Amino acid sequence: MPSRRLMIALGFLFALQLTPALAQQMDMEAMSRWGSVDVVRYHIVGEYQGQPNITSNPGVGSGRADVTDRVVIDLKWKLSESKLVGTPNVDNAKSVLKNPRDMEPSCLPPVLKGEYEHYELLGIKDGLGGALELQVQTTYPVVQVAQSCTASRKPVPAGRNVRPEELVVPSPVMLGMPLPDSDNLRISPDKKSLIHKKAGWTWTFTPSTESGK
């Protein structure tokens, strides 16, 4: 008999009234495989690329830069309860910052007096509605910004911004579904991962079983 998770997934598809062509695209082997698993290992890679504000207080002075960042999370996920199993492992990469500039292109660029760290994952716990709650920190150095676009600069003090963020873990059963090519959720070309894009971040979720397959 199909598992409860597989039945839910099938019900979701039928509720969308899929056309026969889309129904034929369903990978029943993948859906059956993942529908019979309860504890999944997830290798999650988050990669950021954007132009964020790099000062602690934009009201005092602002600057932007081209920033990339990366974080890797390895965890176990209990599908039947949408909860963590054990303690996740987190690997934070250093932010890479290039091309600092004023909001007004003709003004002098800001000068950083330290390292800007865009995204440091401090902790992970079970959140609401089956999502993960991430504790995230952004670290701002002292930044010298131009006053009224002149050669005179003033310092914006260093600061930290610690905040919770939500990360939804998609069910691996979705690997068997004919997902549209959407930033909300798509299947990787090799059919092994689920990809979600939002706010400059690309999150890649690669599931495996306890045996590592």
N, C-alpha and C. Protein backbone atom coordinates (compact mmCIF):
# COMPACT_ATOMS: atom_id res chain seq x y z
N MET A 1 0.85 -1.20 0.00
CA MET A 1 0.00 0.00 0.00
C MET A 1 0.89 1.25 0.00
N PRO A 2 0.55 2.27 -0.81
CA PRO A 2 1.38 3.48 -0.86
C PRO A 2 1.43 4.16 0.50
N SER A 3 2.55 4.79 0.79
CA SER A 3 2.69 5.49 2.06
C SER A 3 1.81 6.73 2.08
N ARG A 4 1.63 7.27 3.29
CA ARG A 4 0.80 8.47 3.45
C ARG A 4 1.39 9.64 2.67
N ARG A 5 2.75 9.78 2.70
CA ARG A 5 3.37 10.89 1.99
C ARG A 5 3.17 10.78 0.48
N LEU A 6 3.24 9.55 -0.05
CA LEU A 6 3.04 9.36 -1.48
C LEU A 6 1.61 9.66 -1.85
N MET A 7 0.67 9.26 -1.01
CA MET A 7 -0.74 9.54 -1.30
C MET A 7 -1.02 11.03 -1.27
N ILE A 8 -0.40 11.74 -0.34
CA ILE A 8 -0.57 13.20 -0.28
C ILE A 8 -0.04 13.84 -1.55
N ALA A 9 1.13 13.37 -2.00
CA ALA A 9 1.72 13.94 -3.22
C ALA A 9 0.83 13.68 -4.42
N LEU A 10 0.30 12.47 -4.53
CA LEU A 10 -0.59 12.15 -5.65
C LEU A 10 -1.87 12.99 -5.58
N GLY A 11 -2.38 13.17 -4.36
CA GLY A 11 -3.57 13.99 -4.21
C GLY A 11 -3.34 15.42 -4.63
N PHE A 12 -2.14 15.92 -4.33
CA PHE A 12 -1.78 17.28 -4.74
C PHE A 12 -1.79 17.40 -6.25
N LEU A 13 -1.23 16.42 -6.92
CA LEU A 13 -1.19 16.47 -8.38
C LEU A 13 -2.58 16.40 -8.99
N PHE A 14 -3.41 15.50 -8.50
CA PHE A 14 -4.75 15.36 -9.04
C PHE A 14 -5.59 16.59 -8.74
N ALA A 15 -5.32 17.25 -7.61
CA ALA A 15 -6.05 18.47 -7.29
C ALA A 15 -5.75 19.57 -8.30
N LEU A 16 -4.56 19.51 -8.89
CA LEU A 16 -4.20 20.48 -9.91
C LEU A 16 -4.76 20.11 -11.27
N GLN A 17 -5.41 18.95 -11.35
CA GLN A 17 -6.01 18.48 -12.60
C GLN A 17 -4.99 18.48 -13.73
N LEU A 18 -3.92 17.71 -13.51
CA LEU A 18 -2.86 17.64 -14.51
C LEU A 18 -3.37 17.04 -15.81
N THR A 19 -2.85 17.54 -16.89
CA THR A 19 -3.18 16.99 -18.20
C THR A 19 -2.53 15.62 -18.33
N PRO A 20 -3.01 14.76 -19.23
CA PRO A 20 -2.38 13.45 -19.42
C PRO A 20 -0.90 13.56 -19.77
N ALA A 21 -0.53 14.61 -20.52
CA ALA A 21 0.87 14.77 -20.90
C ALA A 21 1.74 15.01 -19.67
N LEU A 22 1.25 15.84 -18.75
CA LEU A 22 2.02 16.10 -17.52
C LEU A 22 2.03 14.87 -16.63
N ALA A 23 0.92 14.17 -16.58
CA ALA A 23 0.85 12.97 -15.75
C ALA A 23 1.87 11.93 -16.21
N GLN A 24 2.11 11.87 -17.51
CA GLN A 24 3.08 10.92 -18.04
C GLN A 24 4.50 11.29 -17.63
N GLN A 25 4.71 12.54 -17.26
CA GLN A 25 6.04 12.99 -16.87
C GLN A 25 6.37 12.65 -15.41
N MET A 26 5.40 12.18 -14.68
CA MET A 26 5.64 11.80 -13.29
C MET A 26 6.59 10.62 -13.21
N ASP A 27 7.57 10.70 -12.32
CA ASP A 27 8.51 9.62 -12.09
C ASP A 27 8.00 8.80 -10.91
N MET A 28 7.21 7.78 -11.22
CA MET A 28 6.59 7.00 -10.16
C MET A 28 7.62 6.22 -9.34
N GLU A 29 8.73 5.86 -9.97
CA GLU A 29 9.78 5.15 -9.23
C GLU A 29 10.37 6.05 -8.16
N ALA A 30 10.64 7.31 -8.51
CA ALA A 30 11.18 8.26 -7.54
C ALA A 30 10.16 8.56 -6.45
N MET A 31 8.90 8.73 -6.85
CA MET A 31 7.87 9.03 -5.84
C MET A 31 7.69 7.87 -4.88
N SER A 32 7.72 6.65 -5.42
CA SER A 32 7.57 5.48 -4.55
C SER A 32 8.77 5.32 -3.63
N ARG A 33 9.97 5.57 -4.18
CA ARG A 33 11.18 5.42 -3.38
C ARG A 33 11.18 6.38 -2.20
N TRP A 34 10.95 7.65 -2.48
CA TRP A 34 11.00 8.64 -1.41
C TRP A 34 9.76 8.60 -0.53
N GLY A 35 8.65 8.10 -1.07
CA GLY A 35 7.45 7.98 -0.26
C GLY A 35 7.54 6.90 0.80
N SER A 36 8.52 6.01 0.65
CA SER A 36 8.69 4.91 1.61
C SER A 36 9.77 5.20 2.65
N VAL A 37 10.39 6.38 2.56
CA VAL A 37 11.47 6.75 3.48
C VAL A 37 10.94 7.73 4.51
N ASP A 38 11.41 7.60 5.74
CA ASP A 38 10.96 8.56 6.77
C ASP A 38 12.07 9.53 7.17
N VAL A 39 13.28 9.04 7.40
CA VAL A 39 14.40 9.91 7.78
C VAL A 39 15.30 10.09 6.56
N VAL A 40 15.48 11.35 6.17
CA VAL A 40 16.26 11.69 4.97
C VAL A 40 17.47 12.52 5.39
N ARG A 41 18.60 12.24 4.77
CA ARG A 41 19.76 13.12 4.91
C ARG A 41 19.68 14.20 3.84
N TYR A 42 19.88 15.43 4.25
CA TYR A 42 19.87 16.54 3.29
C TYR A 42 21.23 17.22 3.28
N HIS A 43 21.78 17.38 2.08
CA HIS A 43 22.95 18.22 1.86
C HIS A 43 22.41 19.48 1.21
N ILE A 44 22.46 20.59 1.94
CA ILE A 44 21.85 21.85 1.50
C ILE A 44 22.95 22.87 1.26
N VAL A 45 22.98 23.41 0.05
CA VAL A 45 23.97 24.43 -0.30
C VAL A 45 23.24 25.73 -0.63
N GLY A 46 23.57 26.78 0.10
CA GLY A 46 23.02 28.11 -0.17
C GLY A 46 24.09 29.00 -0.76
N GLU A 47 23.81 29.60 -1.92
CA GLU A 47 24.77 30.49 -2.57
C GLU A 47 24.11 31.83 -2.84
N TYR A 48 24.78 32.89 -2.40
CA TYR A 48 24.23 34.25 -2.53
C TYR A 48 25.03 35.05 -3.54
N GLN A 49 24.29 35.86 -4.31
CA GLN A 49 24.91 36.84 -5.20
C GLN A 49 23.99 38.04 -5.27
N GLY A 50 24.48 39.20 -4.83
CA GLY A 50 23.63 40.38 -4.82
C GLY A 50 24.42 41.64 -4.59
N GLN A 51 23.69 42.76 -4.41
CA GLN A 51 24.29 44.08 -4.18
C GLN A 51 23.67 44.70 -2.93
N PRO A 52 23.98 44.16 -1.75
CA PRO A 52 23.36 44.65 -0.53
C PRO A 52 23.97 45.94 -0.03
N ASN A 53 23.26 46.59 0.89
CA ASN A 53 23.82 47.71 1.63
C ASN A 53 24.91 47.17 2.56
N ILE A 54 26.01 47.86 2.65
CA ILE A 54 27.14 47.35 3.43
C ILE A 54 27.45 48.18 4.66
N THR A 55 26.54 49.09 5.04
CA THR A 55 26.73 49.89 6.25
C THR A 55 25.71 49.51 7.29
N SER A 56 26.08 49.68 8.55
CA SER A 56 25.20 49.27 9.65
C SER A 56 23.98 50.16 9.80
N ASN A 57 24.08 51.41 9.33
CA ASN A 57 22.99 52.37 9.49
C ASN A 57 22.83 53.19 8.21
N PRO A 58 21.96 52.73 7.29
CA PRO A 58 21.77 53.47 6.03
C PRO A 58 21.30 54.90 6.23
N GLY A 59 20.71 55.19 7.39
CA GLY A 59 20.25 56.55 7.66
C GLY A 59 21.40 57.52 7.87
N VAL A 60 22.55 56.99 8.29
CA VAL A 60 23.73 57.83 8.50
C VAL A 60 24.53 57.95 7.21
N GLY A 61 24.68 56.86 6.52
CA GLY A 61 25.43 56.85 5.27
C GLY A 61 25.31 55.48 4.63
N SER A 62 25.21 55.46 3.33
CA SER A 62 24.96 54.19 2.66
C SER A 62 26.04 53.87 1.64
N GLY A 63 26.16 52.63 1.36
CA GLY A 63 27.06 52.14 0.33
C GLY A 63 26.61 50.75 -0.07
N ARG A 64 26.91 50.40 -1.29
CA ARG A 64 26.58 49.06 -1.78
C ARG A 64 27.83 48.41 -2.35
N ALA A 65 27.73 47.10 -2.58
CA ALA A 65 28.85 46.38 -3.18
C ALA A 65 28.31 45.11 -3.82
N ASP A 66 29.13 44.53 -4.70
CA ASP A 66 28.82 43.22 -5.26
C ASP A 66 29.32 42.18 -4.26
N VAL A 67 28.40 41.37 -3.74
CA VAL A 67 28.74 40.43 -2.68
C VAL A 67 28.32 39.02 -3.07
N THR A 68 29.20 38.06 -2.79
CA THR A 68 28.85 36.65 -2.89
C THR A 68 29.11 35.99 -1.55
N ASP A 69 28.34 34.95 -1.26
CA ASP A 69 28.50 34.23 -0.01
C ASP A 69 28.01 32.79 -0.20
N ARG A 70 28.34 31.94 0.76
CA ARG A 70 27.99 30.52 0.63
C ARG A 70 27.89 29.89 2.01
N VAL A 71 26.91 29.01 2.17
CA VAL A 71 26.79 28.24 3.40
C VAL A 71 26.37 26.82 3.03
N VAL A 72 26.89 25.84 3.75
CA VAL A 72 26.56 24.43 3.50
C VAL A 72 26.00 23.85 4.80
N ILE A 73 24.86 23.17 4.67
CA ILE A 73 24.19 22.56 5.82
C ILE A 73 24.00 21.07 5.55
N ASP A 74 24.37 20.25 6.50
CA ASP A 74 24.09 18.81 6.44
C ASP A 74 23.24 18.45 7.64
N LEU A 75 22.09 17.83 7.37
CA LEU A 75 21.17 17.51 8.46
C LEU A 75 20.36 16.26 8.14
N LYS A 76 19.71 15.74 9.19
CA LYS A 76 18.75 14.65 9.03
C LYS A 76 17.35 15.22 9.26
N TRP A 77 16.40 14.79 8.44
CA TRP A 77 15.05 15.35 8.47
C TRP A 77 14.02 14.22 8.53
N LYS A 78 13.16 14.26 9.53
CA LYS A 78 12.11 13.24 9.68
C LYS A 78 10.87 13.71 8.91
N LEU A 79 10.58 13.05 7.80
CA LEU A 79 9.52 13.51 6.91
C LEU A 79 8.14 13.45 7.54
N SER A 80 7.88 12.40 8.31
CA SER A 80 6.54 12.22 8.86
C SER A 80 6.18 13.30 9.87
N GLU A 81 7.18 13.94 10.46
CA GLU A 81 6.94 14.98 11.46
C GLU A 81 7.46 16.34 11.02
N SER A 82 8.16 16.39 9.89
CA SER A 82 8.80 17.63 9.41
C SER A 82 9.63 18.26 10.52
N LYS A 83 10.55 17.44 11.07
CA LYS A 83 11.39 17.90 12.17
C LYS A 83 12.81 17.41 12.00
N LEU A 84 13.73 18.14 12.64
CA LEU A 84 15.13 17.75 12.65
C LEU A 84 15.35 16.48 13.46
N VAL A 85 16.35 15.72 13.04
CA VAL A 85 16.82 14.58 13.80
C VAL A 85 18.30 14.84 14.11
N GLY A 86 18.63 14.95 15.38
CA GLY A 86 20.01 15.22 15.74
C GLY A 86 20.39 16.68 15.52
N THR A 87 21.70 16.92 15.47
CA THR A 87 22.24 18.28 15.35
C THR A 87 22.80 18.50 13.95
N PRO A 88 22.35 19.53 13.25
CA PRO A 88 22.87 19.81 11.92
C PRO A 88 24.33 20.25 11.96
N ASN A 89 25.02 20.04 10.85
CA ASN A 89 26.38 20.54 10.68
C ASN A 89 26.35 21.72 9.72
N VAL A 90 27.04 22.80 10.09
CA VAL A 90 27.02 24.03 9.29
C VAL A 90 28.45 24.42 8.93
N ASP A 91 28.65 24.80 7.67
CA ASP A 91 29.94 25.28 7.20
C ASP A 91 29.72 26.64 6.54
N ASN A 92 30.14 27.70 7.23
CA ASN A 92 30.00 29.07 6.71
C ASN A 92 31.24 29.47 5.93
N ALA A 93 31.05 29.96 4.71
CA ALA A 93 32.16 30.52 3.94
C ALA A 93 32.26 32.01 4.22
N LYS A 94 33.43 32.59 3.95
CA LYS A 94 33.61 34.03 4.09
C LYS A 94 32.95 34.75 2.92
N SER A 95 32.34 35.88 3.22
CA SER A 95 31.76 36.70 2.15
C SER A 95 32.89 37.28 1.29
N VAL A 96 32.59 37.44 0.00
CA VAL A 96 33.51 38.09 -0.93
C VAL A 96 32.85 39.37 -1.40
N LEU A 97 33.52 40.51 -1.18
CA LEU A 97 32.96 41.82 -1.50
C LEU A 97 33.83 42.50 -2.56
N LYS A 98 33.17 43.00 -3.60
CA LYS A 98 33.87 43.71 -4.67
C LYS A 98 33.09 44.97 -5.06
N ASN A 99 33.79 45.90 -5.64
CA ASN A 99 33.18 47.09 -6.24
C ASN A 99 32.31 47.88 -5.27
N PRO A 100 32.83 48.27 -4.09
CA PRO A 100 32.02 49.12 -3.19
C PRO A 100 31.74 50.47 -3.86
N ARG A 101 30.53 50.98 -3.68
CA ARG A 101 30.13 52.21 -4.35
C ARG A 101 29.05 52.93 -3.56
N ASP A 102 28.96 54.22 -3.81
CA ASP A 102 27.90 55.02 -3.20
C ASP A 102 26.59 54.76 -3.95
N MET A 103 25.48 55.07 -3.30
CA MET A 103 24.19 54.93 -3.96
C MET A 103 24.12 55.81 -5.20
N GLU A 104 24.80 56.95 -5.16
CA GLU A 104 24.89 57.84 -6.31
C GLU A 104 26.19 57.54 -7.05
N PRO A 105 26.13 57.03 -8.29
CA PRO A 105 27.34 56.59 -8.99
C PRO A 105 28.43 57.66 -9.10
N SER A 106 28.07 58.94 -9.14
CA SER A 106 29.07 60.00 -9.31
C SER A 106 29.82 60.34 -8.02
N CYS A 107 29.34 59.82 -6.88
CA CYS A 107 29.97 60.14 -5.60
C CYS A 107 31.16 59.22 -5.33
N LEU A 108 32.02 59.65 -4.41
CA LEU A 108 33.17 58.84 -4.02
C LEU A 108 32.69 57.53 -3.38
N PRO A 109 33.38 56.43 -3.63
CA PRO A 109 32.95 55.15 -3.06
C PRO A 109 33.24 55.07 -1.57
N PRO A 110 32.51 54.24 -0.84
CA PRO A 110 32.79 54.04 0.59
C PRO A 110 34.11 53.30 0.77
N VAL A 111 34.71 53.51 1.93
CA VAL A 111 35.96 52.84 2.29
C VAL A 111 35.70 51.98 3.53
N LEU A 112 35.89 50.66 3.41
CA LEU A 112 35.66 49.75 4.52
C LEU A 112 36.89 49.65 5.39
N LYS A 113 36.70 49.73 6.71
CA LYS A 113 37.79 49.64 7.68
C LYS A 113 37.75 48.30 8.41
N GLY A 114 37.37 47.27 7.71
CA GLY A 114 37.27 45.94 8.30
C GLY A 114 36.54 45.03 7.33
N GLU A 115 36.19 43.83 7.81
CA GLU A 115 35.54 42.84 6.97
C GLU A 115 34.02 42.92 7.09
N TYR A 116 33.37 42.87 5.96
CA TYR A 116 31.91 42.76 5.91
C TYR A 116 31.56 41.29 5.75
N GLU A 117 30.72 40.77 6.66
CA GLU A 117 30.27 39.38 6.57
C GLU A 117 28.77 39.39 6.35
N HIS A 118 28.37 39.03 5.14
CA HIS A 118 26.96 39.17 4.75
C HIS A 118 26.06 38.18 5.48
N TYR A 119 26.52 36.93 5.62
CA TYR A 119 25.63 35.89 6.13
C TYR A 119 26.44 34.87 6.91
N GLU A 120 26.20 34.84 8.22
CA GLU A 120 26.81 33.82 9.07
C GLU A 120 25.69 33.07 9.78
N LEU A 121 25.58 31.79 9.51
CA LEU A 121 24.53 30.97 10.11
C LEU A 121 24.98 30.52 11.50
N LEU A 122 24.31 31.03 12.53
CA LEU A 122 24.70 30.77 13.91
C LEU A 122 24.04 29.54 14.49
N GLY A 123 22.84 29.20 14.01
CA GLY A 123 22.12 28.06 14.57
C GLY A 123 20.90 27.70 13.76
N ILE A 124 20.43 26.48 13.95
CA ILE A 124 19.26 25.96 13.24
C ILE A 124 18.37 25.23 14.25
N LYS A 125 17.07 25.47 14.17
CA LYS A 125 16.13 24.73 15.00
C LYS A 125 14.82 24.55 14.23
N ASP A 126 13.96 23.68 14.76
CA ASP A 126 12.65 23.48 14.15
C ASP A 126 11.84 24.76 14.25
N GLY A 127 11.24 25.16 13.13
CA GLY A 127 10.40 26.35 13.11
C GLY A 127 8.93 26.01 13.06
N LEU A 128 8.14 26.95 12.61
CA LEU A 128 6.70 26.77 12.53
C LEU A 128 6.31 26.12 11.20
N GLY A 129 5.27 25.31 11.24
CA GLY A 129 4.72 24.75 10.01
C GLY A 129 5.66 23.82 9.28
N GLY A 130 6.56 23.16 9.99
CA GLY A 130 7.46 22.23 9.33
C GLY A 130 8.65 22.87 8.64
N ALA A 131 8.91 24.15 8.90
CA ALA A 131 10.07 24.83 8.31
C ALA A 131 11.22 24.85 9.32
N LEU A 132 12.39 25.21 8.84
CA LEU A 132 13.53 25.44 9.72
C LEU A 132 13.59 26.91 10.11
N GLU A 133 13.99 27.19 11.34
CA GLU A 133 14.26 28.55 11.75
C GLU A 133 15.78 28.71 11.85
N LEU A 134 16.32 29.59 11.02
CA LEU A 134 17.75 29.84 10.99
C LEU A 134 18.06 31.11 11.77
N GLN A 135 19.10 31.06 12.59
CA GLN A 135 19.58 32.25 13.29
C GLN A 135 20.76 32.79 12.49
N VAL A 136 20.58 33.99 11.92
CA VAL A 136 21.52 34.53 10.94
C VAL A 136 22.11 35.84 11.46
N GLN A 137 23.39 36.05 11.17
CA GLN A 137 24.06 37.28 11.57
C GLN A 137 24.76 37.93 10.37
N THR A 138 24.57 39.25 10.23
CA THR A 138 25.34 40.05 9.29
C THR A 138 26.23 40.99 10.10
N THR A 139 27.52 41.05 9.75
CA THR A 139 28.49 41.87 10.48
C THR A 139 28.98 43.00 9.58
N TYR A 140 28.84 44.23 10.08
CA TYR A 140 29.26 45.42 9.34
C TYR A 140 30.51 46.02 9.96
N PRO A 141 31.52 46.35 9.17
CA PRO A 141 32.69 47.06 9.72
C PRO A 141 32.40 48.56 9.78
N VAL A 142 33.33 49.31 10.33
CA VAL A 142 33.27 50.76 10.18
C VAL A 142 33.45 51.07 8.70
N VAL A 143 32.58 51.95 8.18
CA VAL A 143 32.65 52.32 6.77
C VAL A 143 32.71 53.84 6.65
N GLN A 144 33.71 54.33 5.95
CA GLN A 144 33.84 55.76 5.68
C GLN A 144 33.03 56.08 4.42
N VAL A 145 32.00 56.93 4.58
CA VAL A 145 31.14 57.26 3.44
C VAL A 145 31.28 58.75 3.11
N ALA A 146 31.09 59.08 1.85
CA ALA A 146 31.20 60.47 1.40
C ALA A 146 30.02 61.29 1.91
N GLN A 147 30.29 62.51 2.35
CA GLN A 147 29.24 63.42 2.79
C GLN A 147 28.83 64.31 1.61
N SER A 148 27.56 64.25 1.30
CA SER A 148 27.01 65.08 0.23
C SER A 148 27.84 64.97 -1.05
N CYS A 149 28.35 63.77 -1.27
CA CYS A 149 29.06 63.46 -2.52
C CYS A 149 30.39 64.20 -2.66
N THR A 150 30.94 64.73 -1.55
CA THR A 150 32.20 65.48 -1.61
C THR A 150 33.36 64.59 -1.20
N ALA A 151 34.54 65.18 -1.18
CA ALA A 151 35.73 64.43 -0.79
C ALA A 151 35.79 64.18 0.71
N SER A 152 34.97 64.89 1.47
CA SER A 152 34.95 64.71 2.92
C SER A 152 34.16 63.45 3.27
N ARG A 153 34.75 62.61 4.13
CA ARG A 153 34.06 61.37 4.52
C ARG A 153 33.77 61.37 6.01
N LYS A 154 32.76 60.63 6.39
CA LYS A 154 32.44 60.44 7.79
C LYS A 154 32.25 58.94 8.04
N PRO A 155 32.54 58.49 9.28
CA PRO A 155 32.44 57.06 9.55
C PRO A 155 31.02 56.64 9.94
N VAL A 156 30.60 55.52 9.41
CA VAL A 156 29.40 54.84 9.90
C VAL A 156 29.89 53.72 10.81
N PRO A 157 29.44 53.68 12.07
CA PRO A 157 30.02 52.71 13.01
C PRO A 157 29.75 51.26 12.62
N ALA A 158 30.59 50.40 13.18
CA ALA A 158 30.41 48.96 12.97
C ALA A 158 29.12 48.50 13.66
N GLY A 159 28.63 47.35 13.24
CA GLY A 159 27.40 46.84 13.85
C GLY A 159 27.14 45.39 13.46
N ARG A 160 26.16 44.81 14.14
CA ARG A 160 25.74 43.44 13.84
C ARG A 160 24.22 43.39 13.75
N ASN A 161 23.73 42.59 12.86
CA ASN A 161 22.29 42.37 12.72
C ASN A 161 22.02 40.88 12.84
N VAL A 162 21.43 40.49 13.98
CA VAL A 162 21.09 39.08 14.22
C VAL A 162 19.58 38.94 14.09
N ARG A 163 19.14 37.96 13.32
CA ARG A 163 17.72 37.84 13.01
C ARG A 163 17.36 36.38 12.72
N PRO A 164 16.08 36.01 12.91
CA PRO A 164 15.63 34.68 12.48
C PRO A 164 15.18 34.73 11.02
N GLU A 165 15.43 33.67 10.30
CA GLU A 165 14.95 33.52 8.94
C GLU A 165 14.38 32.12 8.78
N GLU A 166 13.37 32.01 7.92
CA GLU A 166 12.70 30.73 7.70
C GLU A 166 13.23 30.06 6.43
N LEU A 167 13.44 28.76 6.51
CA LEU A 167 13.85 27.97 5.34
C LEU A 167 12.96 26.73 5.28
N VAL A 168 12.18 26.63 4.21
CA VAL A 168 11.28 25.49 4.03
C VAL A 168 12.05 24.35 3.38
N VAL A 169 11.94 23.16 3.94
CA VAL A 169 12.60 21.97 3.40
C VAL A 169 11.62 21.23 2.51
N PRO A 170 11.87 21.15 1.20
CA PRO A 170 10.93 20.46 0.31
C PRO A 170 11.01 18.95 0.47
N SER A 171 9.88 18.29 0.32
CA SER A 171 9.87 16.83 0.40
C SER A 171 10.58 16.23 -0.81
N PRO A 172 11.40 15.19 -0.62
CA PRO A 172 12.07 14.56 -1.75
C PRO A 172 11.10 13.89 -2.72
N VAL A 173 9.86 13.66 -2.27
CA VAL A 173 8.84 13.11 -3.17
C VAL A 173 8.63 14.03 -4.37
N MET A 174 8.92 15.33 -4.19
CA MET A 174 8.77 16.29 -5.28
C MET A 174 9.70 15.98 -6.45
N LEU A 175 10.74 15.19 -6.22
CA LEU A 175 11.64 14.82 -7.31
C LEU A 175 10.94 13.97 -8.37
N GLY A 176 9.83 13.37 -8.00
CA GLY A 176 9.08 12.56 -8.95
C GLY A 176 7.97 13.31 -9.65
N MET A 177 7.81 14.58 -9.36
CA MET A 177 6.70 15.36 -9.90
C MET A 177 7.14 16.21 -11.09
N PRO A 178 6.23 16.49 -12.00
CA PRO A 178 6.54 17.36 -13.15
C PRO A 178 6.48 18.83 -12.77
N LEU A 179 7.48 19.29 -12.03
CA LEU A 179 7.47 20.67 -11.55
C LEU A 179 7.71 21.64 -12.70
N PRO A 180 7.06 22.81 -12.67
CA PRO A 180 7.34 23.84 -13.68
C PRO A 180 8.72 24.43 -13.46
N ASP A 181 9.26 25.09 -14.48
CA ASP A 181 10.56 25.72 -14.38
C ASP A 181 10.39 27.06 -13.68
N SER A 182 10.37 27.01 -12.33
CA SER A 182 10.07 28.19 -11.53
C SER A 182 11.13 28.37 -10.45
N ASP A 183 11.42 29.63 -10.10
CA ASP A 183 12.36 29.90 -9.02
C ASP A 183 11.82 29.42 -7.68
N ASN A 184 10.51 29.28 -7.56
CA ASN A 184 9.94 28.78 -6.31
C ASN A 184 10.47 27.39 -5.99
N LEU A 185 10.49 26.51 -6.99
CA LEU A 185 11.03 25.17 -6.82
C LEU A 185 11.16 24.52 -8.19
N ARG A 186 12.36 24.04 -8.48
CA ARG A 186 12.59 23.30 -9.73
C ARG A 186 13.50 22.12 -9.44
N ILE A 187 13.50 21.16 -10.34
CA ILE A 187 14.35 19.98 -10.22
C ILE A 187 15.63 20.22 -11.00
N SER A 188 16.77 19.84 -10.44
CA SER A 188 18.06 20.03 -11.10
C SER A 188 18.13 19.17 -12.36
N PRO A 189 18.98 19.54 -13.32
CA PRO A 189 19.10 18.76 -14.56
C PRO A 189 19.43 17.29 -14.34
N ASP A 190 20.19 16.97 -13.28
CA ASP A 190 20.54 15.56 -13.04
C ASP A 190 19.46 14.81 -12.25
N LYS A 191 18.34 15.49 -11.93
CA LYS A 191 17.19 14.88 -11.25
C LYS A 191 17.49 14.45 -9.81
N LYS A 192 18.58 14.97 -9.23
CA LYS A 192 18.97 14.54 -7.89
C LYS A 192 18.71 15.58 -6.81
N SER A 193 18.40 16.82 -7.22
CA SER A 193 18.27 17.90 -6.25
C SER A 193 17.05 18.76 -6.55
N LEU A 194 16.59 19.47 -5.53
CA LEU A 194 15.53 20.46 -5.65
C LEU A 194 16.15 21.84 -5.42
N ILE A 195 15.78 22.82 -6.24
CA ILE A 195 16.41 24.14 -6.21
C ILE A 195 15.36 25.22 -5.98
N HIS A 196 15.66 26.09 -5.02
CA HIS A 196 14.77 27.21 -4.68
C HIS A 196 15.57 28.49 -4.74
N LYS A 197 15.05 29.53 -5.41
CA LYS A 197 15.73 30.81 -5.51
C LYS A 197 14.86 31.92 -4.93
N LYS A 198 15.51 32.79 -4.12
CA LYS A 198 14.79 33.90 -3.53
C LYS A 198 15.78 34.92 -2.97
N ALA A 199 15.53 36.21 -3.25
CA ALA A 199 16.27 37.32 -2.65
C ALA A 199 17.78 37.17 -2.80
N GLY A 200 18.23 36.79 -3.99
CA GLY A 200 19.64 36.66 -4.25
C GLY A 200 20.24 35.32 -3.88
N TRP A 201 19.46 34.49 -3.20
CA TRP A 201 19.94 33.18 -2.75
C TRP A 201 19.47 32.07 -3.68
N THR A 202 20.35 31.11 -3.93
CA THR A 202 19.99 29.85 -4.59
C THR A 202 20.25 28.73 -3.59
N TRP A 203 19.17 28.04 -3.20
CA TRP A 203 19.26 26.95 -2.24
C TRP A 203 19.09 25.63 -2.99
N THR A 204 20.06 24.73 -2.85
CA THR A 204 20.01 23.43 -3.51
C THR A 204 19.92 22.34 -2.44
N PHE A 205 18.83 21.58 -2.49
CA PHE A 205 18.57 20.52 -1.51
C PHE A 205 18.81 19.17 -2.19
N THR A 206 19.79 18.43 -1.70
CA THR A 206 20.09 17.10 -2.26
C THR A 206 19.83 16.05 -1.20
N PRO A 207 18.77 15.26 -1.37
CA PRO A 207 18.44 14.24 -0.36
C PRO A 207 19.16 12.93 -0.62
N SER A 208 19.35 12.17 0.45
CA SER A 208 19.84 10.81 0.34
C SER A 208 19.28 10.02 1.51
N THR A 209 19.32 8.71 1.41
CA THR A 209 18.82 7.86 2.48
C THR A 209 19.91 7.64 3.52
N GLU A 210 19.57 6.94 4.59
CA GLU A 210 20.55 6.66 5.64
C GLU A 210 21.74 5.89 5.10
N SER A 211 21.52 5.13 4.01
CA SER A 211 22.63 4.35 3.42
C SER A 211 23.51 5.24 2.55
N GLY A 212 23.08 6.52 2.36
CA GLY A 212 23.88 7.47 1.57
C GLY A 212 23.54 7.48 0.11
N LYS A 213 22.46 6.80 -0.30
CA LYS A 213 22.07 6.74 -1.71
C LYS A 213 20.82 7.59 -1.95
